[in-house]
Amino acid sequence: MENIILSKDRFTEDELAAYWGVKRKTLQKWRSLGIGPIYIKIGARAVYPKEAVQEYEQARIFAGCGKRIQIKGAEDDK
């Protein structure tokens, strides 16, 4: 699968699930629990803005022992 994070502004549920290697049901469960990346609800469909996906990933970068780290320049990508 090509690197869709570079070529898309928004992700469908199927695209994001495939990109992260999780099931659609996982994204659905996260939404119902109020966790996971923010999303836009259009009718019955949820789409995920690219910026929300990137922010969610950035917030989950760890350097052993559960210590979160901030990658320098990560916010410059916007």
PDB file of N, CA and C in Angstrom:
ATOM      1  N   MET A   1       0.847  -1.178   0.000  1.00  0.00           N
ATOM      2  CA  MET A   1       0.000   0.000   0.000  1.00  0.00           C
ATOM      3  C   MET A   1       0.895   1.245   0.000  1.00  0.00           C
ATOM      4  N   GLU A   2       0.574   2.187  -0.870  1.00  0.00           N
ATOM      5  CA  GLU A   2       1.345   3.424  -0.923  1.00  0.00           C
ATOM      6  C   GLU A   2       1.193   4.198   0.384  1.00  0.00           C
ATOM      7  N   ASN A   3       2.074   5.128   0.610  1.00  0.00           N
ATOM      8  CA  ASN A   3       2.005   5.922   1.838  1.00  0.00           C
ATOM      9  C   ASN A   3       0.903   6.968   1.696  1.00  0.00           C
ATOM     10  N   ILE A   4      -0.300   6.608   2.127  1.00  0.00           N
ATOM     11  CA  ILE A   4      -1.453   7.487   1.940  1.00  0.00           C
ATOM     12  C   ILE A   4      -1.379   8.737   2.797  1.00  0.00           C
ATOM     13  N   ILE A   5      -0.577   8.732   3.836  1.00  0.00           N
ATOM     14  CA  ILE A   5      -0.495   9.907   4.703  1.00  0.00           C
ATOM     15  C   ILE A   5       0.027  11.112   3.922  1.00  0.00           C
ATOM     16  N   LEU A   6       0.803  10.888   2.893  1.00  0.00           N
ATOM     17  CA  LEU A   6       1.345  11.988   2.097  1.00  0.00           C
ATOM     18  C   LEU A   6       0.373  12.475   1.035  1.00  0.00           C
ATOM     19  N   SER A   7      -0.502  11.605   0.569  1.00  0.00           N
ATOM     20  CA  SER A   7      -1.329  11.941  -0.583  1.00  0.00           C
ATOM     21  C   SER A   7      -2.771  12.294  -0.263  1.00  0.00           C
ATOM     22  N   LYS A   8      -3.177  12.235   0.983  1.00  0.00           N
ATOM     23  CA  LYS A   8      -4.586  12.457   1.324  1.00  0.00           C
ATOM     24  C   LYS A   8      -4.734  13.578   2.348  1.00  0.00           C
ATOM     25  N   ASP A   9      -5.878  14.271   2.294  1.00  0.00           N
ATOM     26  CA  ASP A   9      -6.208  15.268   3.314  1.00  0.00           C
ATOM     27  C   ASP A   9      -7.108  14.681   4.391  1.00  0.00           C
ATOM     28  N   ARG A  10      -7.872  13.657   4.003  1.00  0.00           N
ATOM     29  CA  ARG A  10      -8.779  12.960   4.928  1.00  0.00           C
ATOM     30  C   ARG A  10      -8.732  11.475   4.638  1.00  0.00           C
ATOM     31  N   PHE A  11      -9.026  10.690   5.674  1.00  0.00           N
ATOM     32  CA  PHE A  11      -9.013   9.237   5.544  1.00  0.00           C
ATOM     33  C   PHE A  11     -10.378   8.664   5.865  1.00  0.00           C
ATOM     34  N   THR A  12     -10.810   7.710   5.071  1.00  0.00           N
ATOM     35  CA  THR A  12     -12.015   6.980   5.425  1.00  0.00           C
ATOM     36  C   THR A  12     -11.639   5.999   6.543  1.00  0.00           C
ATOM     37  N   GLU A  13     -12.649   5.430   7.137  1.00  0.00           N
ATOM     38  CA  GLU A  13     -12.429   4.428   8.177  1.00  0.00           C
ATOM     39  C   GLU A  13     -11.599   3.262   7.635  1.00  0.00           C
ATOM     40  N   ASP A  14     -11.938   2.796   6.434  1.00  0.00           N
ATOM     41  CA  ASP A  14     -11.208   1.672   5.831  1.00  0.00           C
ATOM     42  C   ASP A  14      -9.747   2.028   5.550  1.00  0.00           C
ATOM     43  N   GLU A  15      -9.510   3.232   5.040  1.00  0.00           N
ATOM     44  CA  GLU A  15      -8.139   3.650   4.739  1.00  0.00           C
ATOM     45  C   GLU A  15      -7.292   3.742   5.995  1.00  0.00           C
ATOM     46  N   LEU A  16      -7.836   4.352   7.042  1.00  0.00           N
ATOM     47  CA  LEU A  16      -7.072   4.497   8.275  1.00  0.00           C
ATOM     48  C   LEU A  16      -6.839   3.141   8.943  1.00  0.00           C
ATOM     49  N   ALA A  17      -7.835   2.298   8.930  1.00  0.00           N
ATOM     50  CA  ALA A  17      -7.672   0.959   9.509  1.00  0.00           C
ATOM     51  C   ALA A  17      -6.566   0.197   8.778  1.00  0.00           C
ATOM     52  N   ALA A  18      -6.546   0.277   7.452  1.00  0.00           N
ATOM     53  CA  ALA A  18      -5.507  -0.402   6.671  1.00  0.00           C
ATOM     54  C   ALA A  18      -4.140   0.214   6.929  1.00  0.00           C
ATOM     55  N   TYR A  19      -4.068   1.531   7.006  1.00  0.00           N
ATOM     56  CA  TYR A  19      -2.806   2.231   7.230  1.00  0.00           C
ATOM     57  C   TYR A  19      -2.192   1.848   8.581  1.00  0.00           C
ATOM     58  N   TRP A  20      -3.014   1.792   9.618  1.00  0.00           N
ATOM     59  CA  TRP A  20      -2.520   1.447  10.947  1.00  0.00           C
ATOM     60  C   TRP A  20      -2.489  -0.058  11.216  1.00  0.00           C
ATOM     61  N   GLY A  21      -3.089  -0.846  10.341  1.00  0.00           N
ATOM     62  CA  GLY A  21      -3.101  -2.290  10.558  1.00  0.00           C
ATOM     63  C   GLY A  21      -4.030  -2.717  11.685  1.00  0.00           C
ATOM     64  N   VAL A  22      -5.133  -1.981  11.843  1.00  0.00           N
ATOM     65  CA  VAL A  22      -6.142  -2.340  12.842  1.00  0.00           C
ATOM     66  C   VAL A  22      -7.454  -2.629  12.114  1.00  0.00           C
ATOM     67  N   LYS A  23      -8.393  -3.185  12.819  1.00  0.00           N
ATOM     68  CA  LYS A  23      -9.705  -3.454  12.230  1.00  0.00           C
ATOM     69  C   LYS A  23     -10.575  -2.204  12.284  1.00  0.00           C
ATOM     70  N   ARG A  24     -11.503  -2.100  11.342  1.00  0.00           N
ATOM     71  CA  ARG A  24     -12.480  -1.008  11.365  1.00  0.00           C
ATOM     72  C   ARG A  24     -13.207  -0.962  12.694  1.00  0.00           C
ATOM     73  N   LYS A  25     -13.511  -2.132  13.221  1.00  0.00           N
ATOM     74  CA  LYS A  25     -14.218  -2.221  14.505  1.00  0.00           C
ATOM     75  C   LYS A  25     -13.427  -1.545  15.627  1.00  0.00           C
ATOM     76  N   THR A  26     -12.106  -1.585  15.537  1.00  0.00           N
ATOM     77  CA  THR A  26     -11.272  -0.920  16.545  1.00  0.00           C
ATOM     78  C   THR A  26     -11.498   0.583  16.499  1.00  0.00           C
ATOM     79  N   LEU A  27     -11.485   1.157  15.303  1.00  0.00           N
ATOM     80  CA  LEU A  27     -11.735   2.596  15.165  1.00  0.00           C
ATOM     81  C   LEU A  27     -13.140   2.945  15.638  1.00  0.00           C
ATOM     82  N   GLN A  28     -14.105   2.093  15.329  1.00  0.00           N
ATOM     83  CA  GLN A  28     -15.484   2.320  15.766  1.00  0.00           C
ATOM     84  C   GLN A  28     -15.582   2.278  17.292  1.00  0.00           C
ATOM     85  N   LYS A  29     -14.889   1.340  17.897  1.00  0.00           N
ATOM     86  CA  LYS A  29     -14.910   1.234  19.358  1.00  0.00           C
ATOM     87  C   LYS A  29     -14.263   2.451  19.992  1.00  0.00           C
ATOM     88  N   TRP A  30     -13.122   2.885  19.434  1.00  0.00           N
ATOM     89  CA  TRP A  30     -12.462   4.071  19.964  1.00  0.00           C
ATOM     90  C   TRP A  30     -13.391   5.275  19.908  1.00  0.00           C
ATOM     91  N   ARG A  31     -14.120   5.426  18.799  1.00  0.00           N
ATOM     92  CA  ARG A  31     -15.053   6.549  18.686  1.00  0.00           C
ATOM     93  C   ARG A  31     -16.133   6.464  19.747  1.00  0.00           C
ATOM     94  N   SER A  32     -16.659   5.267  19.973  1.00  0.00           N
ATOM     95  CA  SER A  32     -17.730   5.118  20.969  1.00  0.00           C
ATOM     96  C   SER A  32     -17.235   5.393  22.381  1.00  0.00           C
ATOM     97  N   LEU A  33     -15.946   5.170  22.624  1.00  0.00           N
ATOM     98  CA  LEU A  33     -15.351   5.415  23.940  1.00  0.00           C
ATOM     99  C   LEU A  33     -14.798   6.834  24.070  1.00  0.00           C
ATOM    100  N   GLY A  34     -14.804   7.575  22.971  1.00  0.00           N
ATOM    101  CA  GLY A  34     -14.279   8.937  23.002  1.00  0.00           C
ATOM    102  C   GLY A  34     -12.768   8.998  23.000  1.00  0.00           C
ATOM    103  N   ILE A  35     -12.123   7.954  22.486  1.00  0.00           N
ATOM    104  CA  ILE A  35     -10.664   7.948  22.371  1.00  0.00           C
ATOM    105  C   ILE A  35     -10.319   7.828  20.888  1.00  0.00           C
ATOM    106  N   GLY A  36      -9.037   7.886  20.587  1.00  0.00           N
ATOM    107  CA  GLY A  36      -8.629   7.827  19.188  1.00  0.00           C
ATOM    108  C   GLY A  36      -8.579   9.219  18.595  1.00  0.00           C
ATOM    109  N   PRO A  37      -8.216   9.296  17.325  1.00  0.00           N
ATOM    110  CA  PRO A  37      -8.106  10.614  16.697  1.00  0.00           C
ATOM    111  C   PRO A  37      -9.476  11.255  16.504  1.00  0.00           C
ATOM    112  N   ILE A  38      -9.496  12.587  16.444  1.00  0.00           N
ATOM    113  CA  ILE A  38     -10.763  13.256  16.183  1.00  0.00           C
ATOM    114  C   ILE A  38     -11.208  12.926  14.761  1.00  0.00           C
ATOM    115  N   TYR A  39     -12.488  13.054  14.517  1.00  0.00           N
ATOM    116  CA  TYR A  39     -13.034  12.685  13.220  1.00  0.00           C
ATOM    117  C   TYR A  39     -14.164  13.625  12.854  1.00  0.00           C
ATOM    118  N   ILE A  40     -14.545  13.553  11.597  1.00  0.00           N
ATOM    119  CA  ILE A  40     -15.677  14.324  11.086  1.00  0.00           C
ATOM    120  C   ILE A  40     -16.778  13.327  10.762  1.00  0.00           C
ATOM    121  N   LYS A  41     -17.952  13.568  11.257  1.00  0.00           N
ATOM    122  CA  LYS A  41     -19.082  12.672  11.003  1.00  0.00           C
ATOM    123  C   LYS A  41     -19.950  13.296   9.906  1.00  0.00           C
ATOM    124  N   ILE A  42     -20.101  12.574   8.820  1.00  0.00           N
ATOM    125  CA  ILE A  42     -20.932  13.007   7.701  1.00  0.00           C
ATOM    126  C   ILE A  42     -21.951  11.900   7.463  1.00  0.00           C
ATOM    127  N   GLY A  43     -23.175  12.152   7.883  1.00  0.00           N
ATOM    128  CA  GLY A  43     -24.189  11.094   7.817  1.00  0.00           C
ATOM    129  C   GLY A  43     -23.768   9.958   8.730  1.00  0.00           C
ATOM    130  N   ALA A  44     -23.727   8.757   8.177  1.00  0.00           N
ATOM    131  CA  ALA A  44     -23.313   7.595   8.953  1.00  0.00           C
ATOM    132  C   ALA A  44     -21.816   7.331   8.817  1.00  0.00           C
ATOM    133  N   ARG A  45     -21.135   8.174   8.066  1.00  0.00           N
ATOM    134  CA  ARG A  45     -19.732   7.953   7.744  1.00  0.00           C
ATOM    135  C   ARG A  45     -18.808   8.833   8.581  1.00  0.00           C
ATOM    136  N   ALA A  46     -17.697   8.273   9.020  1.00  0.00           N
ATOM    137  CA  ALA A  46     -16.680   9.029   9.747  1.00  0.00           C
ATOM    138  C   ALA A  46     -15.457   9.168   8.854  1.00  0.00           C
ATOM    139  N   VAL A  47     -14.906  10.366   8.800  1.00  0.00           N
ATOM    140  CA  VAL A  47     -13.648  10.591   8.095  1.00  0.00           C
ATOM    141  C   VAL A  47     -12.683  11.262   9.066  1.00  0.00           C
ATOM    142  N   TYR A  48     -11.416  10.989   8.871  1.00  0.00           N
ATOM    143  CA  TYR A  48     -10.386  11.461   9.775  1.00  0.00           C
ATOM    144  C   TYR A  48      -9.477  12.459   9.055  1.00  0.00           C
ATOM    145  N   PRO A  49      -9.419  13.715   9.519  1.00  0.00           N
ATOM    146  CA  PRO A  49      -8.517  14.686   8.907  1.00  0.00           C
ATOM    147  C   PRO A  49      -7.055  14.257   9.086  1.00  0.00           C
ATOM    148  N   LYS A  50      -6.254  14.506   8.067  1.00  0.00           N
ATOM    149  CA  LYS A  50      -4.838  14.147   8.098  1.00  0.00           C
ATOM    150  C   LYS A  50      -4.147  14.716   9.335  1.00  0.00           C
ATOM    151  N   GLU A  51      -4.434  15.972   9.666  1.00  0.00           N
ATOM    152  CA  GLU A  51      -3.790  16.599  10.820  1.00  0.00           C
ATOM    153  C   GLU A  51      -4.130  15.871  12.116  1.00  0.00           C
ATOM    154  N   ALA A  52      -5.364  15.398  12.241  1.00  0.00           N
ATOM    155  CA  ALA A  52      -5.779  14.675  13.449  1.00  0.00           C
ATOM    156  C   ALA A  52      -5.038  13.348  13.565  1.00  0.00           C
ATOM    157  N   VAL A  53      -4.844  12.679  12.440  1.00  0.00           N
ATOM    158  CA  VAL A  53      -4.114  11.407  12.431  1.00  0.00           C
ATOM    159  C   VAL A  53      -2.663  11.645  12.841  1.00  0.00           C
ATOM    160  N   GLN A  54      -2.052  12.676  12.285  1.00  0.00           N
ATOM    161  CA  GLN A  54      -0.661  12.977  12.612  1.00  0.00           C
ATOM    162  C   GLN A  54      -0.505  13.386  14.081  1.00  0.00           C
ATOM    163  N   GLU A  55      -1.416  14.188  14.588  1.00  0.00           N
ATOM    164  CA  GLU A  55      -1.358  14.597  15.993  1.00  0.00           C
ATOM    165  C   GLU A  55      -1.532  13.398  16.918  1.00  0.00           C
ATOM    166  N   TYR A  56      -2.437  12.504  16.566  1.00  0.00           N
ATOM    167  CA  TYR A  56      -2.665  11.301  17.372  1.00  0.00           C
ATOM    168  C   TYR A  56      -1.393  10.449  17.411  1.00  0.00           C
ATOM    169  N   GLU A  57      -0.755  10.302  16.253  1.00  0.00           N
ATOM    170  CA  GLU A  57       0.483   9.523  16.199  1.00  0.00           C
ATOM    171  C   GLU A  57       1.583  10.194  17.018  1.00  0.00           C
ATOM    172  N   GLN A  58       1.725  11.511  16.893  1.00  0.00           N
ATOM    173  CA  GLN A  58       2.756  12.239  17.633  1.00  0.00           C
ATOM    174  C   GLN A  58       2.598  12.092  19.145  1.00  0.00           C
ATOM    175  N   ALA A  59       1.365  12.062  19.595  1.00  0.00           N
ATOM    176  CA  ALA A  59       1.092  11.939  21.026  1.00  0.00           C
ATOM    177  C   ALA A  59       1.401  10.539  21.550  1.00  0.00           C
ATOM    178  N   ARG A  60       1.689   9.612  20.662  1.00  0.00           N
ATOM    179  CA  ARG A  60       1.931   8.235  21.063  1.00  0.00           C
ATOM    180  C   ARG A  60       3.325   7.744  20.707  1.00  0.00           C
ATOM    181  N   ILE A  61       4.293   8.660  20.700  1.00  0.00           N
ATOM    182  CA  ILE A  61       5.685   8.281  20.460  1.00  0.00           C
ATOM    183  C   ILE A  61       6.354   8.106  21.815  1.00  0.00           C
ATOM    184  N   PHE A  62       6.917   6.937  22.030  1.00  0.00           N
ATOM    185  CA  PHE A  62       7.519   6.603  23.315  1.00  0.00           C
ATOM    186  C   PHE A  62       8.986   6.217  23.126  1.00  0.00           C
ATOM    187  N   ALA A  63       9.781   6.468  24.145  1.00  0.00           N
ATOM    188  CA  ALA A  63      11.198   6.111  24.140  1.00  0.00           C
ATOM    189  C   ALA A  63      11.487   5.206  25.325  1.00  0.00           C
ATOM    190  N   GLY A  64      10.920   4.038  25.338  1.00  0.00           N
ATOM    191  CA  GLY A  64      11.158   3.085  26.401  1.00  0.00           C
ATOM    192  C   GLY A  64      10.602   3.529  27.746  1.00  0.00           C
ATOM    193  N   CYS A  65      10.342   2.606  28.612  1.00  0.00           N
ATOM    194  CA  CYS A  65       9.844   2.855  29.961  1.00  0.00           C
ATOM    195  C   CYS A  65       8.595   3.726  29.989  1.00  0.00           C
ATOM    196  N   GLY A  66       7.848   3.763  28.892  1.00  0.00           N
ATOM    197  CA  GLY A  66       6.613   4.525  28.854  1.00  0.00           C
ATOM    198  C   GLY A  66       6.794   6.030  28.804  1.00  0.00           C
ATOM    199  N   LYS A  67       8.024   6.508  28.531  1.00  0.00           N
ATOM    200  CA  LYS A  67       8.276   7.948  28.480  1.00  0.00           C
ATOM    201  C   LYS A  67       7.953   8.469  27.090  1.00  0.00           C
ATOM    202  N   ARG A  68       7.016   9.415  27.054  1.00  0.00           N
ATOM    203  CA  ARG A  68       6.670  10.038  25.781  1.00  0.00           C
ATOM    204  C   ARG A  68       7.753  11.036  25.396  1.00  0.00           C
ATOM    205  N   ILE A  69       7.987  11.142  24.090  1.00  0.00           N
ATOM    206  CA  ILE A  69       8.951  12.120  23.598  1.00  0.00           C
ATOM    207  C   ILE A  69       8.291  12.960  22.520  1.00  0.00           C
ATOM    208  N   GLN A  70       8.813  14.137  22.331  1.00  0.00           N
ATOM    209  CA  GLN A  70       8.349  15.026  21.261  1.00  0.00           C
ATOM    210  C   GLN A  70       9.446  15.078  20.217  1.00  0.00           C
ATOM    211  N   ILE A  71       9.103  14.793  18.988  1.00  0.00           N
ATOM    212  CA  ILE A  71      10.075  14.858  17.907  1.00  0.00           C
ATOM    213  C   ILE A  71      10.225  16.306  17.482  1.00  0.00           C
ATOM    214  N   LYS A  72      11.452  16.795  17.459  1.00  0.00           N
ATOM    215  CA  LYS A  72      11.698  18.174  17.057  1.00  0.00           C
ATOM    216  C   LYS A  72      11.283  18.384  15.614  1.00  0.00           C
ATOM    217  N   GLY A  73      10.613  19.491  15.360  1.00  0.00           N
ATOM    218  CA  GLY A  73      10.184  19.827  14.018  1.00  0.00           C
ATOM    219  C   GLY A  73       8.902  19.166  13.600  1.00  0.00           C
ATOM    220  N   ALA A  74       8.312  18.347  14.456  1.00  0.00           N
ATOM    221  CA  ALA A  74       7.088  17.631  14.086  1.00  0.00           C
ATOM    222  C   ALA A  74       5.960  18.599  13.817  1.00  0.00           C
ATOM    223  N   GLU A  75       5.909  19.697  14.552  1.00  0.00           N
ATOM    224  CA  GLU A  75       4.832  20.656  14.346  1.00  0.00           C
ATOM    225  C   GLU A  75       5.081  21.531  13.123  1.00  0.00           C
ATOM    226  N   ASP A  76       6.294  21.512  12.596  1.00  0.00           N
ATOM    227  CA  ASP A  76       6.613  22.279  11.403  1.00  0.00           C
ATOM    228  C   ASP A  76       6.043  21.647  10.153  1.00  0.00           C
ATOM    229  N   ASP A  77       5.577  20.392  10.247  1.00  0.00           N
ATOM    230  CA  ASP A  77       5.043  19.681   9.095  1.00  0.00           C
ATOM    231  C   ASP A  77       3.678  20.173   8.664  1.00  0.00           C
ATOM    232  N   LYS A  78       3.016  20.956   9.481  1.00  0.00           N
ATOM    233  CA  LYS A  78       1.657  21.399   9.169  1.00  0.00           C
ATOM    234  C   LYS A  78       1.641  22.426   8.080  1.00  0.00           C
TER     235      LYS A  78
END
